[in-house]
C-alpha atoms as a PDB file:
ATOM      1  CA  MET A   1     -17.604 -30.857 -27.398  1.00  0.00           C
ATOM      2  CA  LYS A   2     -20.637 -33.668 -26.470  1.00  0.00           C
ATOM      3  CA  LEU A   3     -23.750 -31.981 -25.327  1.00  0.00           C
ATOM      4  CA  ASN A   4     -25.476 -33.957 -23.778  1.00  0.00           C
ATOM      5  CA  PRO A   5     -22.574 -33.781 -20.027  1.00  0.00           C
ATOM      6  CA  ILE A   6     -23.559 -30.297 -20.292  1.00  0.00           C
ATOM      7  CA  VAL A   7     -27.181 -31.009 -20.460  1.00  0.00           C
ATOM      8  CA  ALA A   8     -27.081 -32.895 -17.641  1.00  0.00           C
ATOM      9  CA  HIS A   9     -25.010 -30.848 -15.966  1.00  0.00           C
ATOM     10  CA  LEU A  10     -27.401 -27.996 -16.075  1.00  0.00           C
ATOM     11  CA  LYS A  11     -29.978 -29.659 -15.336  1.00  0.00           C
ATOM     12  CA  ALA A  12     -28.324 -30.802 -11.750  1.00  0.00           C
ATOM     13  CA  THR A  13     -27.117 -27.503 -11.169  1.00  0.00           C
ATOM     14  CA  CYS A  14     -29.122 -24.558 -12.448  1.00  0.00           C
ATOM     15  CA  PRO A  15     -32.755 -24.893  -9.903  1.00  0.00           C
ATOM     16  CA  THR A  16     -34.170 -21.920 -12.324  1.00  0.00           C
ATOM     17  CA  PHE A  17     -34.332 -24.391 -15.180  1.00  0.00           C
ATOM     18  CA  ALA A  18     -35.061 -27.346 -13.733  1.00  0.00           C
ATOM     19  CA  ASP A  19     -35.397 -30.202 -16.143  1.00  0.00           C
ATOM     20  CA  ARG A  20     -36.117 -27.475 -18.700  1.00  0.00           C
ATOM     21  CA  VAL A  21     -33.072 -28.255 -20.596  1.00  0.00           C
ATOM     22  CA  ALA A  22     -32.176 -29.310 -23.783  1.00  0.00           C
ATOM     23  CA  GLY A  23     -29.216 -29.507 -26.447  1.00  0.00           C
ATOM     24  CA  GLY A  24     -28.958 -28.808 -30.322  1.00  0.00           C
ATOM     25  CA  ILE A  25     -26.959 -28.730 -33.234  1.00  0.00           C
ATOM     26  CA  ASP A  26     -27.888 -25.020 -34.171  1.00  0.00           C
ATOM     27  CA  TRP A  27     -29.990 -22.501 -32.724  1.00  0.00           C
ATOM     28  CA  ASP A  28     -32.875 -22.907 -36.335  1.00  0.00           C
ATOM     29  CA  SER A  29     -33.093 -26.582 -35.653  1.00  0.00           C
ATOM     30  CA  VAL A  30     -34.034 -26.227 -31.849  1.00  0.00           C
ATOM     31  CA  ALA A  31     -36.153 -23.135 -32.321  1.00  0.00           C
ATOM     32  CA  GLU A  32     -38.602 -25.313 -34.682  1.00  0.00           C
ATOM     33  CA  SER A  33     -39.259 -27.663 -31.725  1.00  0.00           C
ATOM     34  CA  ALA A  34     -38.515 -25.348 -28.665  1.00  0.00           C
ATOM     35  CA  LYS A  35     -41.303 -25.632 -26.707  1.00  0.00           C
ATOM     36  CA  LEU A  36     -40.339 -26.539 -23.355  1.00  0.00           C
ATOM     37  CA  PRO A  37     -42.350 -23.634 -20.868  1.00  0.00           C
ATOM     38  CA  MET A  38     -40.162 -20.816 -19.730  1.00  0.00           C
ATOM     39  CA  PRO A  39     -37.651 -20.325 -18.211  1.00  0.00           C
ATOM     40  CA  ALA A  40     -35.615 -22.671 -20.378  1.00  0.00           C
ATOM     41  CA  ALA A  41     -31.872 -23.396 -21.876  1.00  0.00           C
ATOM     42  CA  TYR A  42     -30.660 -24.746 -24.719  1.00  0.00           C
ATOM     43  CA  VAL A  43     -27.279 -26.067 -25.274  1.00  0.00           C
ATOM     44  CA  ILE A  44     -25.981 -25.344 -29.194  1.00  0.00           C
ATOM     45  CA  ALA A  45     -22.931 -26.514 -30.546  1.00  0.00           C
ATOM     46  CA  ALA A  46     -21.318 -22.886 -31.704  1.00  0.00           C
ATOM     47  CA  ALA A  47     -18.001 -23.312 -33.284  1.00  0.00           C
ATOM     48  CA  ASP A  48     -14.718 -24.479 -32.591  1.00  0.00           C
ATOM     49  CA  GLY A  49     -10.808 -22.911 -33.648  1.00  0.00           C
ATOM     50  CA  ALA A  50      -7.747 -24.355 -33.487  1.00  0.00           C
ATOM     51  CA  SER A  51      -4.163 -22.836 -33.244  1.00  0.00           C
ATOM     52  CA  PRO A  52      -0.925 -23.761 -35.162  1.00  0.00           C
ATOM     53  CA  SER A  53       0.917 -26.959 -34.279  1.00  0.00           C
ATOM     54  CA  LYS A  54       3.163 -25.940 -31.382  1.00  0.00           C
ATOM     55  CA  ALA A  55       5.725 -28.725 -32.668  1.00  0.00           C
ATOM     56  CA  GLN A  56       7.268 -29.071 -35.925  1.00  0.00           C
ATOM     57  CA  ASN A  57       7.665 -32.781 -36.114  1.00  0.00           C
ATOM     58  CA  VAL A  58       3.894 -34.130 -35.176  1.00  0.00           C
ATOM     59  CA  VAL A  59       0.830 -32.190 -35.018  1.00  0.00           C
ATOM     60  CA  ILE A  60       0.090 -30.879 -31.519  1.00  0.00           C
ATOM     61  CA  GLN A  61      -2.945 -28.174 -31.383  1.00  0.00           C
ATOM     62  CA  ASP A  62      -4.989 -26.229 -28.954  1.00  0.00           C
ATOM     63  CA  VAL A  63      -8.634 -26.710 -30.221  1.00  0.00           C
ATOM     64  CA  THR A  64     -11.171 -24.366 -28.565  1.00  0.00           C
ATOM     65  CA  ASP A  65     -14.640 -25.374 -28.266  1.00  0.00           C
ATOM     66  CA  GLN A  66     -17.304 -22.807 -27.845  1.00  0.00           C
ATOM     67  CA  PHE A  67     -20.885 -23.692 -27.320  1.00  0.00           C
ATOM     68  CA  ALA A  68     -24.211 -21.055 -26.406  1.00  0.00           C
ATOM     69  CA  VAL A  69     -26.314 -21.860 -23.402  1.00  0.00           C
ATOM     70  CA  VAL A  70     -29.524 -20.263 -24.882  1.00  0.00           C
ATOM     71  CA  VAL A  71     -31.688 -18.757 -22.800  1.00  0.00           C
ATOM     72  CA  VAL A  72     -35.337 -18.190 -23.597  1.00  0.00           C
ATOM     73  CA  LEU A  73     -37.534 -16.322 -21.104  1.00  0.00           C
ATOM     74  CA  ASP A  74     -41.166 -14.767 -20.983  1.00  0.00           C
ATOM     75  CA  ALA A  75     -41.070 -10.937 -21.886  1.00  0.00           C
ATOM     76  CA  GLY A  76     -42.595  -9.479 -18.835  1.00  0.00           C
ATOM     77  CA  ASP A  77     -43.013  -6.339 -21.005  1.00  0.00           C
ATOM     78  CA  GLU A  78     -42.727  -4.930 -24.668  1.00  0.00           C
ATOM     79  CA  ARG A  79     -39.562  -3.497 -23.613  1.00  0.00           C
ATOM     80  CA  GLY A  80     -37.916  -6.593 -21.461  1.00  0.00           C
ATOM     81  CA  GLN A  81     -36.972  -4.359 -18.795  1.00  0.00           C
ATOM     82  CA  GLU A  82     -37.811  -7.234 -16.585  1.00  0.00           C
ATOM     83  CA  ALA A  83     -36.434  -9.945 -18.529  1.00  0.00           C
ATOM     84  CA  ASN A  84     -33.237  -7.934 -18.356  1.00  0.00           C
ATOM     85  CA  ASP A  85     -32.858  -8.347 -14.577  1.00  0.00           C
ATOM     86  CA  GLN A  86     -33.916 -12.140 -14.772  1.00  0.00           C
ATOM     87  CA  LEU A  87     -31.125 -12.599 -17.416  1.00  0.00           C
ATOM     88  CA  HIS A  88     -28.212 -11.001 -14.950  1.00  0.00           C
ATOM     89  CA  ASP A  89     -29.521 -13.433 -12.632  1.00  0.00           C
ATOM     90  CA  LEU A  90     -29.554 -16.187 -14.894  1.00  0.00           C
ATOM     91  CA  ARG A  91     -25.888 -15.259 -16.254  1.00  0.00           C
ATOM     92  CA  SER A  92     -24.774 -15.381 -12.086  1.00  0.00           C
ATOM     93  CA  GLU A  93     -26.309 -19.251 -12.145  1.00  0.00           C
ATOM     94  CA  LEU A  94     -25.107 -19.811 -15.308  1.00  0.00           C
ATOM     95  CA  TRP A  95     -21.463 -19.032 -14.076  1.00  0.00           C
ATOM     96  CA  ARG A  96     -21.578 -20.916 -11.090  1.00  0.00           C
ATOM     97  CA  ALA A  97     -22.870 -23.949 -13.389  1.00  0.00           C
ATOM     98  CA  LEU A  98     -20.383 -23.788 -15.877  1.00  0.00           C
ATOM     99  CA  VAL A  99     -17.019 -21.746 -14.946  1.00  0.00           C
ATOM    100  CA  GLY A 100     -14.105 -23.668 -13.706  1.00  0.00           C
ATOM    101  CA  TRP A 101     -16.128 -27.118 -14.824  1.00  0.00           C
ATOM    102  CA  SER A 102     -14.746 -29.986 -16.845  1.00  0.00           C
ATOM    103  CA  PRO A 103     -17.196 -31.455 -19.735  1.00  0.00           C
ATOM    104  CA  GLY A 104     -15.053 -34.079 -20.220  1.00  0.00           C
ATOM    105  CA  PRO A 105     -11.235 -35.154 -19.401  1.00  0.00           C
ATOM    106  CA  GLU A 106      -9.263 -34.053 -22.041  1.00  0.00           C
ATOM    107  CA  TYR A 107     -10.915 -30.314 -21.562  1.00  0.00           C
ATOM    108  CA  THR A 108      -9.553 -27.173 -19.882  1.00  0.00           C
ATOM    109  CA  PRO A 109     -11.908 -25.660 -17.318  1.00  0.00           C
ATOM    110  CA  ILE A 110     -14.984 -24.097 -18.708  1.00  0.00           C
ATOM    111  CA  GLN A 111     -14.561 -20.326 -19.415  1.00  0.00           C
ATOM    112  CA  TYR A 112     -17.428 -17.777 -20.369  1.00  0.00           C
ATOM    113  CA  ASP A 113     -17.010 -15.736 -23.648  1.00  0.00           C
ATOM    114  CA  LYS A 114     -19.971 -13.480 -23.896  1.00  0.00           C
ATOM    115  CA  GLY A 115     -23.353 -12.696 -24.192  1.00  0.00           C
ATOM    116  CA  ALA A 116     -25.401 -11.278 -26.855  1.00  0.00           C
ATOM    117  CA  LEU A 117     -29.217 -10.921 -27.344  1.00  0.00           C
ATOM    118  CA  VAL A 118     -30.509 -12.818 -30.278  1.00  0.00           C
ATOM    119  CA  PHE A 119     -34.652 -12.148 -30.001  1.00  0.00           C
ATOM    120  CA  ILE A 120     -37.112 -10.413 -28.482  1.00  0.00           C
ATOM    121  CA  SER A 121     -40.915 -10.396 -28.712  1.00  0.00           C
ATOM    122  CA  ARG A 122     -44.186  -9.459 -26.879  1.00  0.00           C
ATOM    123  CA  ALA A 123     -44.521 -13.031 -25.746  1.00  0.00           C
ATOM    124  CA  ARG A 124     -40.452 -14.117 -24.808  1.00  0.00           C
ATOM    125  CA  VAL A 125     -37.018 -12.560 -24.896  1.00  0.00           C
ATOM    126  CA  ILE A 126     -33.917 -14.726 -26.100  1.00  0.00           C
ATOM    127  CA  TYR A 127     -30.519 -14.522 -25.041  1.00  0.00           C
ATOM    128  CA  GLN A 128     -27.532 -16.601 -25.360  1.00  0.00           C
ATOM    129  CA  TYR A 129     -24.286 -17.156 -23.671  1.00  0.00           C
ATOM    130  CA  LEU A 130     -21.340 -18.399 -25.031  1.00  0.00           C
ATOM    131  CA  PHE A 131     -18.617 -20.143 -23.397  1.00  0.00           C
ATOM    132  CA  THR A 132     -15.100 -21.994 -24.392  1.00  0.00           C
ATOM    133  CA  ALA A 133     -13.288 -25.184 -23.153  1.00  0.00           C
ATOM    134  CA  GLU A 134     -10.216 -26.636 -24.872  1.00  0.00           C
ATOM    135  CA  PHE A 135      -8.160 -29.753 -25.965  1.00  0.00           C
ATOM    136  CA  GLN A 136      -5.259 -30.959 -27.173  1.00  0.00           C
ATOM    137  CA  LEU A 137      -5.255 -32.613 -30.372  1.00  0.00           C
ATOM    138  CA  GLY A 138      -2.515 -35.083 -30.672  1.00  0.00           C
ATOM    139  CA  ARG A 139      -1.707 -37.512 -27.850  1.00  0.00           C
ATOM    140  CA  ASN A 140       0.084 -36.395 -24.752  1.00  0.00           C
ATOM    141  CA  ARG A 141       2.001 -40.291 -24.435  1.00  0.00           C
ATOM    142  CA  PRO A 142       2.793 -42.973 -26.959  1.00  0.00           C
ATOM    143  CA  ASP A 143       0.299 -45.523 -24.870  1.00  0.00           C
ATOM    144  CA  GLN A 144      -2.720 -43.009 -25.782  1.00  0.00           C
ATOM    145  CA  SER A 145      -4.290 -44.064 -28.502  1.00  0.00           C
ATOM    146  CA  PRO A 146      -4.004 -42.087 -31.685  1.00  0.00           C
ATOM    147  CA  GLU A 147      -5.633 -38.953 -32.383  1.00  0.00           C
ATOM    148  CA  THR A 148      -3.988 -37.712 -35.839  1.00  0.00           C
ATOM    149  CA  TRP A 149      -3.131 -39.685 -38.958  1.00  0.00           C
ATOM    150  CA  GLN A 150      -0.039 -39.135 -38.325  1.00  0.00           C
ATOM    151  CA  GLU A 151       0.164 -40.574 -35.227  1.00  0.00           C
ATOM    152  CA  TRP A 152      -2.010 -43.288 -36.534  1.00  0.00           C
ATOM    153  CA  ASN A 153       0.297 -44.005 -39.469  1.00  0.00           C
ATOM    154  CA  LEU A 154       3.509 -44.012 -37.268  1.00  0.00           C
ATOM    155  CA  ASP A 155       1.784 -46.348 -34.863  1.00  0.00           C
ATOM    156  CA  GLY A 156       1.894 -49.358 -38.112  1.00  0.00           C
ATOM    157  CA  LEU A 157       5.528 -48.817 -38.572  1.00  0.00           C
ATOM    158  CA  PRO A 158       7.938 -51.773 -36.659  1.00  0.00           C
ATOM    159  CA  GLY A 159       9.449 -50.784 -33.377  1.00  0.00           C
ATOM    160  CA  PHE A 160      12.902 -49.745 -34.010  1.00  0.00           C
ATOM    161  CA  ALA A 161      15.084 -52.933 -32.763  1.00  0.00           C
ATOM    162  CA  GLY A 162      18.770 -51.634 -33.780  1.00  0.00           C
ATOM    163  CA  ALA A 163      20.851 -50.149 -36.172  1.00  0.00           C
ATOM    164  CA  THR A 164      23.701 -50.755 -38.258  1.00  0.00           C
ATOM    165  CA  ILE A 165      26.563 -48.161 -39.640  1.00  0.00           C
ATOM    166  CA  ASN A 166      29.037 -48.445 -42.630  1.00  0.00           C
ATOM    167  CA  MET A 167      31.470 -46.082 -42.485  1.00  0.00           C
ATOM    168  CA  ASP A 168      33.096 -44.773 -45.719  1.00  0.00           C
ATOM    169  CA  CYS A 169      35.931 -42.630 -43.934  1.00  0.00           C
ATOM    170  CA  ILE A 170      37.890 -39.509 -46.331  1.00  0.00           C
ATOM    171  CA  ASP A 171      41.255 -40.471 -45.289  1.00  0.00           C
ATOM    172  CA  PRO A 172      42.667 -43.058 -45.857  1.00  0.00           C
ATOM    173  CA  ALA A 173      41.101 -42.748 -49.747  1.00  0.00           C
ATOM    174  CA  ASP A 174      42.246 -45.235 -52.373  1.00  0.00           C
ATOM    175  CA  PRO A 175      44.111 -42.280 -55.149  1.00  0.00           C
ATOM    176  CA  ASN A 176      42.641 -45.189 -57.887  1.00  0.00           C
ATOM    177  CA  LEU A 177      38.869 -44.659 -57.013  1.00  0.00           C
ATOM    178  CA  LYS A 178      38.550 -41.036 -56.026  1.00  0.00           C
ATOM    179  CA  ARG A 179      40.701 -38.029 -54.303  1.00  0.00           C
ATOM    180  CA  PRO A 180      39.452 -37.284 -51.663  1.00  0.00           C
ATOM    181  CA  GLY A 181      37.324 -39.717 -50.095  1.00  0.00           C
ATOM    182  CA  PRO A 182      35.195 -41.136 -49.633  1.00  0.00           C
ATOM    183  CA  ASP A 183      35.993 -43.663 -52.249  1.00  0.00           C
ATOM    184  CA  GLY A 184      33.044 -46.047 -51.677  1.00  0.00           C
ATOM    185  CA  ARG A 185      35.087 -48.800 -49.718  1.00  0.00           C
ATOM    186  CA  ILE A 186      33.803 -49.209 -45.901  1.00  0.00           C
ATOM    187  CA  GLU A 187      36.609 -48.934 -43.394  1.00  0.00           C
ATOM    188  CA  VAL A 188      34.353 -49.523 -39.898  1.00  0.00           C
ATOM    189  CA  THR A 189      31.311 -51.428 -39.174  1.00  0.00           C
ATOM    190  CA  PHE A 190      29.279 -50.281 -36.284  1.00  0.00           C
ATOM    191  CA  THR A 191      26.045 -52.128 -34.818  1.00  0.00           C
ATOM    192  CA  GLY A 192      23.729 -50.796 -31.993  1.00  0.00           C
ATOM    193  CA  ASP A 193      21.157 -53.381 -30.622  1.00  0.00           C
ATOM    194  CA  VAL A 194      18.479 -51.228 -28.299  1.00  0.00           C
ATOM    195  CA  THR A 195      16.753 -54.909 -26.746  1.00  0.00           C
ATOM    196  CA  PRO A 196      18.114 -55.651 -24.058  1.00  0.00           C
END
């Protein structure tokens, strides 16, 4: 999942953070450069997972992308009591901004997964909220570009123009060749042309 659209959407829809929203590939790399004034939010790519293929003759899978919105707040007090109330309000603001919004045309609307404390000190509280959205791996229509090796490989084959069927019937069989038939002689030929 691309993080830039989510970061831009949060900047536009979460007034508490204003422009204090950034993105990153994982929290460890972001934590080293997390210098935004508090309160701030960091969108982190969390994980993805796929279900088994829904079809037997092609690969079509539902893929769930998960991302985290990591919120960094001023602790306010050593126990984090003030920060906890602020986290409750921020969670509602994140829900209004993200839940039901699609990060791209291929995705289902975002759903909330869960939240968890990452870190607390005298200076700051770090809390993450996890969200998910799904998309389908494997195209829906032949006019879409290939998404899997199988689709790409099949697209390289020539189009089906027709077929010729040679039929060797069981009866009548030539007793000199093989009994019972088929005896290797073509009795009927069918031709089908699919072009108009």
